[in-house]
Each structure stands twice: as C-alpha cells, then as structure tokens.
C-alpha cells in the first residue's frame, strides 16, 4: 500500500478542482419527464382524462366542454427538468486507448471527469446535452461511471456517446 502525503493530495485536489471549475465545460443533465394531473381542468376519475370543465383557480380559463388549453384534453401535463453541472470534457478519442470512433461522427464518444458528489444527478439523468444555443448535441451514458483520481473518492470519469 502506497501512502500519499497529505500535502501532495491537497495540491492534487486544488489543481484537479481548478481544471473542472475554471476550465471545465457546462454539461446539461436532462431528467426523465414527469407526468402530473392537469391543474387547469377537472379530471374524470374513471378515464383519467379531462372532462372539459374548467377547474376554478386554474391558470387558463376556457369555455366548459371544450378542450383544455393546458393539457389538450389528456388530463395530464408532462414536464421535464434540466440542471447544469461543470465537468472536464475530452472529445479526443485517441486519449481513451484503443477506441477509434471519431468524435465528429454520429456515434462519437467523449470522456468527462467530474465531482463524485454529482454522480446521483448524473445517474438520474436520461440524456445529456453539450453545446451552445441551437448547436446543442445530445449524449447518452456509455457504460457506468468509475472512480477517478489519486484517492478515487473525489472524482469520477465516464464515457458519453453522441446520439
């Protein structure tokens, strides 16, 4: 067993943190959509669909027995949430060893390194987005994240595949 001096670990963490915090890229985590009951109309308990009757206090009033403008008559609203985290971003596949898939292809791989404290968020996300404005690319997790760094307790690394 190798014992790494505390001063070396502290300096390593300071430098590795700076690579993420100061030079890192923003990765948007897209969580799976959540369906909830429409707050704008009364729901038929048997069908689970809208009765077409406005629910008092709803956000958008409408004429009774017409289509609810919020849920479109389905009785449910699906909402998706996102969250941004900062990671180190490595789009160069030659750094991964024997992987030869170019990143500019539709199935290109990138490697990310981030804080292990973000792992629960990473695992909960259904897809990941990277880029600016309309040039955002979607990615899926390729395999499981693994511990990274000297102590293997502060950072993780994982591969993402562009879809």
N, C-alpha and C. Protein backbone atom coordinates (compact mmCIF):
# COMPACT_ATOMS: atom_id res chain seq x y z
N UNK A 1 0.84 -1.19 0.00
CA UNK A 1 0.00 0.00 0.00
C UNK A 1 0.88 1.25 0.00
N UNK A 2 0.58 2.15 -0.90
CA UNK A 2 1.34 3.39 -1.02
C UNK A 2 0.63 4.48 -0.22
N UNK A 3 1.37 5.18 0.60
CA UNK A 3 0.80 6.28 1.38
C UNK A 3 1.21 7.58 0.71
N UNK A 4 0.23 8.35 0.29
CA UNK A 4 0.48 9.62 -0.38
C UNK A 4 0.43 10.73 0.68
N UNK A 5 1.48 11.53 0.75
CA UNK A 5 1.49 12.61 1.76
C UNK A 5 0.30 13.56 1.58
N UNK A 6 -0.22 14.06 2.70
CA UNK A 6 -1.39 14.94 2.69
C UNK A 6 -1.15 16.18 1.83
N UNK A 7 0.04 16.73 1.88
CA UNK A 7 0.35 17.92 1.07
C UNK A 7 0.22 17.65 -0.42
N UNK A 8 0.63 16.46 -0.85
CA UNK A 8 0.53 16.09 -2.26
C UNK A 8 -0.95 15.95 -2.65
N UNK A 9 -1.74 15.30 -1.79
CA UNK A 9 -3.18 15.15 -2.07
C UNK A 9 -3.87 16.51 -2.13
N UNK A 10 -3.54 17.38 -1.21
CA UNK A 10 -4.15 18.72 -1.20
C UNK A 10 -3.83 19.47 -2.49
N UNK A 11 -2.57 19.41 -2.91
CA UNK A 11 -2.18 20.10 -4.14
C UNK A 11 -2.86 19.46 -5.36
N UNK A 12 -2.93 18.14 -5.37
CA UNK A 12 -3.61 17.44 -6.47
C UNK A 12 -5.07 17.86 -6.55
N UNK A 13 -5.77 17.88 -5.41
CA UNK A 13 -7.18 18.28 -5.40
C UNK A 13 -7.35 19.73 -5.84
N UNK A 14 -6.45 20.61 -5.41
CA UNK A 14 -6.53 22.02 -5.82
C UNK A 14 -6.41 22.15 -7.33
N UNK A 15 -5.45 21.45 -7.90
CA UNK A 15 -5.24 21.54 -9.35
C UNK A 15 -6.37 20.87 -10.11
N UNK A 16 -6.78 19.68 -9.68
CA UNK A 16 -7.86 18.96 -10.36
C UNK A 16 -9.18 19.73 -10.26
N UNK A 17 -9.45 20.34 -9.10
CA UNK A 17 -10.65 21.17 -8.93
C UNK A 17 -10.62 22.35 -9.91
N UNK A 18 -9.45 22.97 -10.06
CA UNK A 18 -9.33 24.11 -10.98
C UNK A 18 -9.59 23.69 -12.42
N UNK A 19 -9.13 22.49 -12.79
CA UNK A 19 -9.40 22.00 -14.14
C UNK A 19 -10.90 21.90 -14.40
N UNK A 20 -11.65 21.49 -13.39
CA UNK A 20 -13.11 21.38 -13.54
C UNK A 20 -13.76 22.76 -13.43
N UNK A 21 -13.47 23.47 -12.33
CA UNK A 21 -14.17 24.73 -12.04
C UNK A 21 -13.79 25.87 -12.98
N UNK A 22 -12.54 25.98 -13.35
CA UNK A 22 -12.08 27.12 -14.14
C UNK A 22 -12.01 26.82 -15.64
N UNK A 23 -11.69 25.59 -16.00
CA UNK A 23 -11.51 25.24 -17.41
C UNK A 23 -12.57 24.28 -17.92
N UNK A 24 -13.49 23.89 -17.05
CA UNK A 24 -14.48 22.88 -17.41
C UNK A 24 -15.55 23.38 -18.37
N UNK A 25 -16.34 22.44 -18.81
CA UNK A 25 -17.44 22.71 -19.74
C UNK A 25 -18.77 22.48 -19.02
N UNK A 26 -19.79 23.19 -19.46
CA UNK A 26 -21.12 23.01 -18.88
C UNK A 26 -21.82 21.85 -19.57
N UNK A 27 -22.23 20.87 -18.78
CA UNK A 27 -22.98 19.73 -19.26
C UNK A 27 -24.39 19.84 -18.70
N UNK A 28 -25.39 19.81 -19.56
CA UNK A 28 -26.77 19.90 -19.12
C UNK A 28 -27.33 18.50 -18.94
N UNK A 29 -27.82 18.23 -17.73
CA UNK A 29 -28.44 16.96 -17.42
C UNK A 29 -29.93 17.10 -17.70
N UNK A 30 -30.48 16.21 -18.50
CA UNK A 30 -31.91 16.23 -18.83
C UNK A 30 -32.55 15.06 -18.10
N UNK A 31 -33.43 15.39 -17.15
CA UNK A 31 -34.07 14.36 -16.35
C UNK A 31 -35.30 13.81 -17.06
N UNK A 32 -35.69 12.57 -16.75
CA UNK A 32 -36.87 11.98 -17.40
C UNK A 32 -38.12 12.82 -17.13
N UNK A 33 -39.03 12.88 -18.09
CA UNK A 33 -40.25 13.67 -17.90
C UNK A 33 -41.12 13.08 -16.79
N UNK A 34 -41.80 13.98 -16.08
CA UNK A 34 -42.70 13.58 -15.01
C UNK A 34 -44.12 13.99 -15.40
N UNK A 35 -45.06 13.04 -15.34
CA UNK A 35 -46.46 13.33 -15.66
C UNK A 35 -47.21 13.66 -14.37
N UNK A 36 -48.00 14.72 -14.42
CA UNK A 36 -48.81 15.10 -13.26
C UNK A 36 -50.21 15.48 -13.75
N UNK A 37 -51.14 15.48 -12.83
CA UNK A 37 -52.52 15.82 -13.16
C UNK A 37 -52.62 17.29 -13.54
N UNK A 38 -53.44 17.58 -14.54
CA UNK A 38 -53.63 18.96 -15.01
C UNK A 38 -54.25 19.80 -13.90
N UNK A 39 -53.71 20.98 -13.70
CA UNK A 39 -54.22 21.89 -12.67
C UNK A 39 -55.26 22.86 -13.23
N UNK A 40 -55.61 22.70 -14.50
CA UNK A 40 -56.49 23.65 -15.16
C UNK A 40 -57.89 23.11 -15.41
N UNK A 41 -58.07 21.79 -15.34
CA UNK A 41 -59.38 21.22 -15.65
C UNK A 41 -59.71 20.10 -14.66
N UNK A 42 -60.97 19.74 -14.63
CA UNK A 42 -61.41 18.65 -13.76
C UNK A 42 -61.21 17.34 -14.50
N UNK A 43 -60.65 16.37 -13.79
CA UNK A 43 -60.30 15.08 -14.38
C UNK A 43 -61.42 14.06 -14.10
N UNK A 44 -61.76 13.28 -15.11
CA UNK A 44 -62.72 12.19 -14.97
C UNK A 44 -61.99 11.05 -14.24
N UNK A 45 -62.48 10.67 -13.05
CA UNK A 45 -61.78 9.66 -12.25
C UNK A 45 -61.77 8.29 -12.92
N UNK A 46 -62.73 8.00 -13.77
CA UNK A 46 -62.78 6.69 -14.43
C UNK A 46 -61.80 6.59 -15.59
N UNK A 47 -61.71 7.65 -16.39
CA UNK A 47 -60.84 7.60 -17.57
C UNK A 47 -59.48 8.23 -17.33
N UNK A 48 -59.40 9.11 -16.33
CA UNK A 48 -58.15 9.82 -16.09
C UNK A 48 -57.91 10.96 -17.07
N UNK A 49 -58.88 11.21 -17.93
CA UNK A 49 -58.78 12.28 -18.92
C UNK A 49 -59.58 13.50 -18.47
N UNK A 50 -59.38 14.60 -19.18
CA UNK A 50 -60.09 15.83 -18.87
C UNK A 50 -61.59 15.69 -19.16
N UNK A 51 -62.41 16.29 -18.31
CA UNK A 51 -63.85 16.31 -18.55
C UNK A 51 -64.22 17.49 -19.45
N UNK A 52 -63.26 18.38 -19.70
CA UNK A 52 -63.54 19.57 -20.49
C UNK A 52 -64.19 20.66 -19.65
N UNK A 53 -64.10 20.54 -18.34
CA UNK A 53 -64.67 21.54 -17.44
C UNK A 53 -63.53 22.26 -16.73
N UNK A 54 -63.58 23.58 -16.77
CA UNK A 54 -62.55 24.42 -16.15
C UNK A 54 -62.54 24.22 -14.64
N UNK A 55 -61.34 24.05 -14.06
CA UNK A 55 -61.16 23.93 -12.62
C UNK A 55 -60.94 25.34 -12.07
N UNK A 56 -61.81 25.76 -11.17
CA UNK A 56 -61.72 27.10 -10.59
C UNK A 56 -60.32 27.34 -10.03
N UNK A 57 -59.73 28.46 -10.41
CA UNK A 57 -58.38 28.81 -9.96
C UNK A 57 -57.28 28.32 -10.89
N UNK A 58 -57.64 27.63 -11.95
CA UNK A 58 -56.66 27.14 -12.92
C UNK A 58 -55.98 28.28 -13.64
N UNK A 59 -54.82 28.06 -14.24
CA UNK A 59 -54.05 29.14 -14.86
C UNK A 59 -54.67 29.74 -16.12
N UNK A 60 -55.46 28.96 -16.91
CA UNK A 60 -56.03 29.47 -18.16
C UNK A 60 -57.50 29.08 -18.24
N UNK A 61 -58.37 30.06 -18.05
CA UNK A 61 -59.80 29.74 -18.13
C UNK A 61 -60.19 29.40 -19.57
N UNK A 62 -61.22 28.56 -19.70
CA UNK A 62 -61.73 28.19 -21.01
C UNK A 62 -63.21 27.85 -20.88
N UNK A 63 -63.88 27.83 -22.00
CA UNK A 63 -65.32 27.52 -22.01
C UNK A 63 -65.50 26.04 -21.68
N UNK A 64 -66.44 25.76 -20.76
CA UNK A 64 -66.70 24.38 -20.36
C UNK A 64 -67.10 23.53 -21.57
N UNK A 65 -66.73 22.28 -21.52
CA UNK A 65 -66.99 21.25 -22.53
C UNK A 65 -66.26 21.53 -23.85
N UNK A 66 -65.13 22.21 -23.71
CA UNK A 66 -64.21 22.36 -24.84
C UNK A 66 -62.87 21.74 -24.40
N UNK A 67 -61.89 21.81 -25.25
CA UNK A 67 -60.59 21.21 -24.93
C UNK A 67 -59.80 22.15 -24.02
N UNK A 68 -59.28 21.58 -22.94
CA UNK A 68 -58.45 22.35 -22.01
C UNK A 68 -57.20 22.84 -22.74
N UNK A 69 -56.89 24.14 -22.68
CA UNK A 69 -55.72 24.66 -23.39
C UNK A 69 -54.39 24.26 -22.75
N UNK A 70 -54.42 23.78 -21.52
CA UNK A 70 -53.18 23.42 -20.84
C UNK A 70 -52.76 21.99 -21.16
N UNK A 71 -53.69 21.04 -21.02
CA UNK A 71 -53.33 19.62 -21.22
C UNK A 71 -53.81 19.07 -22.56
N UNK A 72 -54.57 19.84 -23.32
CA UNK A 72 -55.07 19.38 -24.60
C UNK A 72 -56.10 18.27 -24.48
N UNK A 73 -56.74 18.17 -23.31
CA UNK A 73 -57.77 17.17 -23.10
C UNK A 73 -57.25 15.85 -22.54
N UNK A 74 -55.96 15.73 -22.37
CA UNK A 74 -55.41 14.46 -21.88
C UNK A 74 -55.55 14.30 -20.37
N UNK A 75 -55.68 15.42 -19.66
CA UNK A 75 -55.80 15.37 -18.21
C UNK A 75 -54.46 15.30 -17.50
N UNK A 76 -53.38 15.23 -18.25
CA UNK A 76 -52.04 15.13 -17.65
C UNK A 76 -51.10 16.12 -18.33
N UNK A 77 -50.16 16.60 -17.55
CA UNK A 77 -49.13 17.51 -18.06
C UNK A 77 -47.78 16.83 -17.84
N UNK A 78 -46.99 16.79 -18.87
CA UNK A 78 -45.65 16.20 -18.76
C UNK A 78 -44.64 17.33 -18.72
N UNK A 79 -43.82 17.31 -17.68
CA UNK A 79 -42.79 18.34 -17.58
C UNK A 79 -41.43 17.68 -17.41
N UNK A 80 -40.44 18.29 -18.01
CA UNK A 80 -39.08 17.78 -17.93
C UNK A 80 -38.22 18.87 -17.32
N UNK A 81 -37.26 18.49 -16.51
CA UNK A 81 -36.38 19.49 -15.91
C UNK A 81 -34.94 19.20 -16.32
N UNK A 82 -34.14 20.24 -16.23
CA UNK A 82 -32.71 20.14 -16.56
C UNK A 82 -31.90 20.77 -15.45
N UNK A 83 -30.64 20.44 -15.44
CA UNK A 83 -29.71 21.03 -14.47
C UNK A 83 -28.33 21.05 -15.11
N UNK A 84 -27.59 22.12 -14.87
CA UNK A 84 -26.24 22.25 -15.41
C UNK A 84 -25.20 21.89 -14.35
N UNK A 85 -24.19 21.13 -14.77
CA UNK A 85 -23.03 20.87 -13.93
C UNK A 85 -21.79 21.17 -14.76
N UNK A 86 -20.66 21.32 -14.09
CA UNK A 86 -19.41 21.59 -14.78
C UNK A 86 -18.53 20.34 -14.71
N UNK A 87 -17.99 19.96 -15.86
CA UNK A 87 -17.14 18.77 -15.96
C UNK A 87 -15.95 19.07 -16.85
N UNK A 88 -14.92 18.25 -16.74
CA UNK A 88 -13.84 18.28 -17.73
C UNK A 88 -14.35 17.50 -18.93
N UNK A 89 -14.08 18.00 -20.12
CA UNK A 89 -14.65 17.46 -21.36
C UNK A 89 -13.51 17.08 -22.29
N UNK A 90 -13.42 15.79 -22.65
CA UNK A 90 -12.34 15.31 -23.51
C UNK A 90 -12.94 14.68 -24.77
N UNK A 91 -13.04 15.44 -25.87
CA UNK A 91 -13.62 14.90 -27.10
C UNK A 91 -12.62 14.15 -27.97
N UNK A 92 -11.39 14.01 -27.54
CA UNK A 92 -10.37 13.39 -28.38
C UNK A 92 -10.27 11.89 -28.09
N UNK A 93 -10.80 11.05 -28.97
CA UNK A 93 -10.84 9.61 -28.69
C UNK A 93 -9.47 8.95 -28.57
N UNK A 94 -8.43 9.51 -29.13
CA UNK A 94 -7.12 8.84 -29.05
C UNK A 94 -6.61 8.80 -27.63
N UNK A 95 -7.14 9.64 -26.76
CA UNK A 95 -6.74 9.64 -25.37
C UNK A 95 -7.37 8.48 -24.59
N UNK A 96 -8.31 7.76 -25.20
CA UNK A 96 -9.02 6.70 -24.49
C UNK A 96 -8.38 5.34 -24.67
N UNK A 97 -7.31 5.23 -25.39
CA UNK A 97 -6.71 3.92 -25.62
C UNK A 97 -7.04 3.41 -27.00
N UNK A 98 -7.67 2.24 -27.08
CA UNK A 98 -7.92 1.58 -28.35
C UNK A 98 -9.20 2.02 -29.05
N UNK A 99 -9.93 2.96 -28.52
CA UNK A 99 -11.18 3.40 -29.14
C UNK A 99 -10.84 4.20 -30.38
N UNK A 100 -11.44 3.85 -31.51
CA UNK A 100 -11.10 4.51 -32.77
C UNK A 100 -12.28 5.23 -33.41
N UNK A 101 -13.37 5.43 -32.66
CA UNK A 101 -14.53 6.11 -33.22
C UNK A 101 -14.28 7.62 -33.18
N UNK A 102 -14.30 8.31 -34.32
CA UNK A 102 -14.06 9.75 -34.29
C UNK A 102 -15.24 10.49 -33.65
N UNK A 103 -14.93 11.54 -32.87
CA UNK A 103 -15.98 12.26 -32.16
C UNK A 103 -16.90 13.02 -33.10
N UNK A 104 -16.44 13.35 -34.28
CA UNK A 104 -17.28 14.09 -35.21
C UNK A 104 -18.23 13.20 -35.99
N UNK A 105 -18.25 11.89 -35.69
CA UNK A 105 -19.25 11.02 -36.31
C UNK A 105 -20.49 11.02 -35.44
N UNK A 106 -21.59 10.49 -35.97
CA UNK A 106 -22.84 10.48 -35.22
C UNK A 106 -22.76 9.64 -33.96
N UNK A 107 -21.87 8.67 -33.90
CA UNK A 107 -21.76 7.84 -32.71
C UNK A 107 -20.45 8.10 -31.98
N UNK A 108 -19.94 9.34 -32.05
CA UNK A 108 -18.69 9.69 -31.41
C UNK A 108 -18.76 9.61 -29.89
N UNK A 109 -17.61 9.36 -29.27
CA UNK A 109 -17.51 9.27 -27.83
C UNK A 109 -16.75 10.46 -27.27
N UNK A 110 -17.13 10.87 -26.08
CA UNK A 110 -16.37 11.84 -25.31
C UNK A 110 -16.21 11.30 -23.90
N UNK A 111 -15.14 11.71 -23.25
CA UNK A 111 -14.92 11.32 -21.87
C UNK A 111 -15.11 12.56 -21.01
N UNK A 112 -15.82 12.40 -19.89
CA UNK A 112 -15.97 13.50 -18.94
C UNK A 112 -15.40 13.08 -17.59
N UNK A 113 -14.91 14.07 -16.86
CA UNK A 113 -14.45 13.87 -15.49
C UNK A 113 -15.14 14.93 -14.66
N UNK A 114 -15.74 14.53 -13.55
CA UNK A 114 -16.46 15.47 -12.70
C UNK A 114 -16.36 15.07 -11.24
N UNK A 115 -17.05 15.84 -10.41
CA UNK A 115 -17.06 15.57 -8.98
C UNK A 115 -17.96 14.38 -8.67
N UNK A 116 -17.50 13.52 -7.79
CA UNK A 116 -18.26 12.34 -7.42
C UNK A 116 -19.56 12.73 -6.71
N UNK A 117 -19.60 13.93 -6.15
CA UNK A 117 -20.84 14.41 -5.50
C UNK A 117 -21.95 14.65 -6.52
N UNK A 118 -21.60 14.78 -7.81
CA UNK A 118 -22.60 14.96 -8.87
C UNK A 118 -23.11 13.63 -9.42
N UNK A 119 -22.55 12.50 -8.98
CA UNK A 119 -22.94 11.20 -9.52
C UNK A 119 -24.43 10.88 -9.38
N UNK A 120 -25.08 11.15 -8.24
CA UNK A 120 -26.51 10.86 -8.18
C UNK A 120 -27.30 11.60 -9.26
N UNK A 121 -26.93 12.85 -9.55
CA UNK A 121 -27.59 13.62 -10.61
C UNK A 121 -27.32 12.99 -11.97
N UNK A 122 -26.06 12.64 -12.20
CA UNK A 122 -25.65 12.03 -13.48
C UNK A 122 -26.45 10.76 -13.74
N UNK A 123 -26.58 9.93 -12.71
CA UNK A 123 -27.28 8.65 -12.88
C UNK A 123 -28.78 8.83 -13.05
N UNK A 124 -29.34 9.91 -12.49
CA UNK A 124 -30.78 10.16 -12.61
C UNK A 124 -31.16 10.72 -13.98
N UNK A 125 -30.21 11.36 -14.65
CA UNK A 125 -30.49 11.98 -15.95
C UNK A 125 -30.73 10.91 -17.02
N UNK A 126 -31.61 11.23 -17.96
CA UNK A 126 -31.87 10.30 -19.06
C UNK A 126 -30.99 10.60 -20.26
N UNK A 127 -30.70 11.87 -20.49
CA UNK A 127 -29.78 12.26 -21.56
C UNK A 127 -28.95 13.44 -21.07
N UNK A 128 -27.95 13.78 -21.87
CA UNK A 128 -27.03 14.87 -21.54
C UNK A 128 -26.91 15.75 -22.77
N UNK A 129 -26.76 17.06 -22.56
CA UNK A 129 -26.61 17.98 -23.69
C UNK A 129 -25.35 18.80 -23.49
N UNK A 130 -24.69 19.05 -24.60
CA UNK A 130 -23.48 19.87 -24.59
C UNK A 130 -23.50 20.77 -25.81
N UNK A 131 -23.12 22.01 -25.64
CA UNK A 131 -23.06 22.94 -26.75
C UNK A 131 -23.70 24.25 -26.37
N UNK A 132 -23.81 25.12 -27.36
CA UNK A 132 -24.34 26.46 -27.12
C UNK A 132 -25.53 26.70 -28.03
N UNK A 133 -26.61 27.25 -27.47
CA UNK A 133 -27.78 27.64 -28.24
C UNK A 133 -28.35 26.49 -29.05
N UNK A 134 -28.58 26.74 -30.34
CA UNK A 134 -29.17 25.74 -31.23
C UNK A 134 -28.19 24.65 -31.66
N UNK A 135 -26.93 24.78 -31.27
CA UNK A 135 -25.91 23.80 -31.67
C UNK A 135 -25.66 22.78 -30.57
N UNK A 136 -26.66 22.50 -29.75
CA UNK A 136 -26.51 21.55 -28.66
C UNK A 136 -26.59 20.12 -29.18
N UNK A 137 -25.68 19.28 -28.70
CA UNK A 137 -25.66 17.88 -29.09
C UNK A 137 -26.16 17.04 -27.92
N UNK A 138 -26.85 15.94 -28.25
CA UNK A 138 -27.37 15.04 -27.20
C UNK A 138 -26.44 13.86 -27.04
N UNK A 139 -26.30 13.40 -25.80
CA UNK A 139 -25.44 12.27 -25.48
C UNK A 139 -26.18 11.31 -24.55
N UNK A 140 -25.77 10.05 -24.61
CA UNK A 140 -26.25 9.02 -23.69
C UNK A 140 -25.04 8.44 -22.96
N UNK A 141 -25.29 7.93 -21.75
CA UNK A 141 -24.22 7.32 -20.98
C UNK A 141 -23.76 6.03 -21.68
N UNK A 142 -22.46 5.88 -21.79
CA UNK A 142 -21.87 4.68 -22.40
C UNK A 142 -21.15 3.92 -21.27
N UNK A 143 -21.83 2.96 -20.70
CA UNK A 143 -21.26 2.24 -19.56
C UNK A 143 -21.48 3.00 -18.26
N UNK A 144 -20.91 2.48 -17.20
CA UNK A 144 -21.08 3.08 -15.88
C UNK A 144 -19.92 4.03 -15.56
N UNK A 145 -20.19 5.07 -14.76
CA UNK A 145 -19.10 5.93 -14.29
C UNK A 145 -18.16 5.13 -13.38
N UNK A 146 -16.89 5.51 -13.37
CA UNK A 146 -15.94 4.87 -12.48
C UNK A 146 -15.20 5.93 -11.68
N UNK A 147 -14.69 5.53 -10.52
CA UNK A 147 -13.94 6.46 -9.67
C UNK A 147 -12.65 6.86 -10.38
N UNK A 148 -12.20 8.09 -10.13
CA UNK A 148 -11.05 8.65 -10.82
C UNK A 148 -10.20 9.43 -9.82
N UNK A 149 -8.93 9.56 -10.08
CA UNK A 149 -8.05 10.38 -9.25
C UNK A 149 -7.21 9.56 -8.29
N UNK A 150 -6.39 10.24 -7.52
CA UNK A 150 -5.47 9.55 -6.61
C UNK A 150 -6.18 8.78 -5.52
N UNK A 151 -7.20 9.37 -4.92
CA UNK A 151 -7.89 8.70 -3.80
C UNK A 151 -9.13 7.95 -4.25
N UNK A 152 -9.58 8.18 -5.47
CA UNK A 152 -10.78 7.55 -6.02
C UNK A 152 -12.03 7.85 -5.18
N UNK A 153 -12.03 8.96 -4.48
CA UNK A 153 -13.18 9.33 -3.65
C UNK A 153 -13.72 10.71 -3.99
N UNK A 154 -13.06 11.45 -4.85
CA UNK A 154 -13.45 12.84 -5.11
C UNK A 154 -13.96 13.07 -6.54
N UNK A 155 -13.51 12.25 -7.49
CA UNK A 155 -13.84 12.47 -8.90
C UNK A 155 -14.33 11.17 -9.53
N UNK A 156 -15.06 11.31 -10.65
CA UNK A 156 -15.47 10.15 -11.44
C UNK A 156 -15.12 10.44 -12.89
N UNK A 157 -15.08 9.40 -13.69
CA UNK A 157 -14.95 9.57 -15.14
C UNK A 157 -15.95 8.64 -15.81
N UNK A 158 -16.40 9.04 -16.97
CA UNK A 158 -17.32 8.19 -17.73
C UNK A 158 -17.30 8.61 -19.20
N UNK A 159 -17.79 7.72 -20.03
CA UNK A 159 -17.91 7.99 -21.46
C UNK A 159 -19.35 8.33 -21.81
N UNK A 160 -19.50 9.26 -22.72
CA UNK A 160 -20.81 9.61 -23.29
C UNK A 160 -20.76 9.34 -24.79
N UNK A 161 -21.86 8.84 -25.33
CA UNK A 161 -21.95 8.58 -26.76
C UNK A 161 -22.94 9.57 -27.37
N UNK A 162 -22.51 10.26 -28.41
CA UNK A 162 -23.38 11.21 -29.10
C UNK A 162 -24.47 10.47 -29.85
N UNK A 163 -25.71 10.99 -29.76
CA UNK A 163 -26.83 10.37 -30.47
C UNK A 163 -27.43 11.36 -31.45
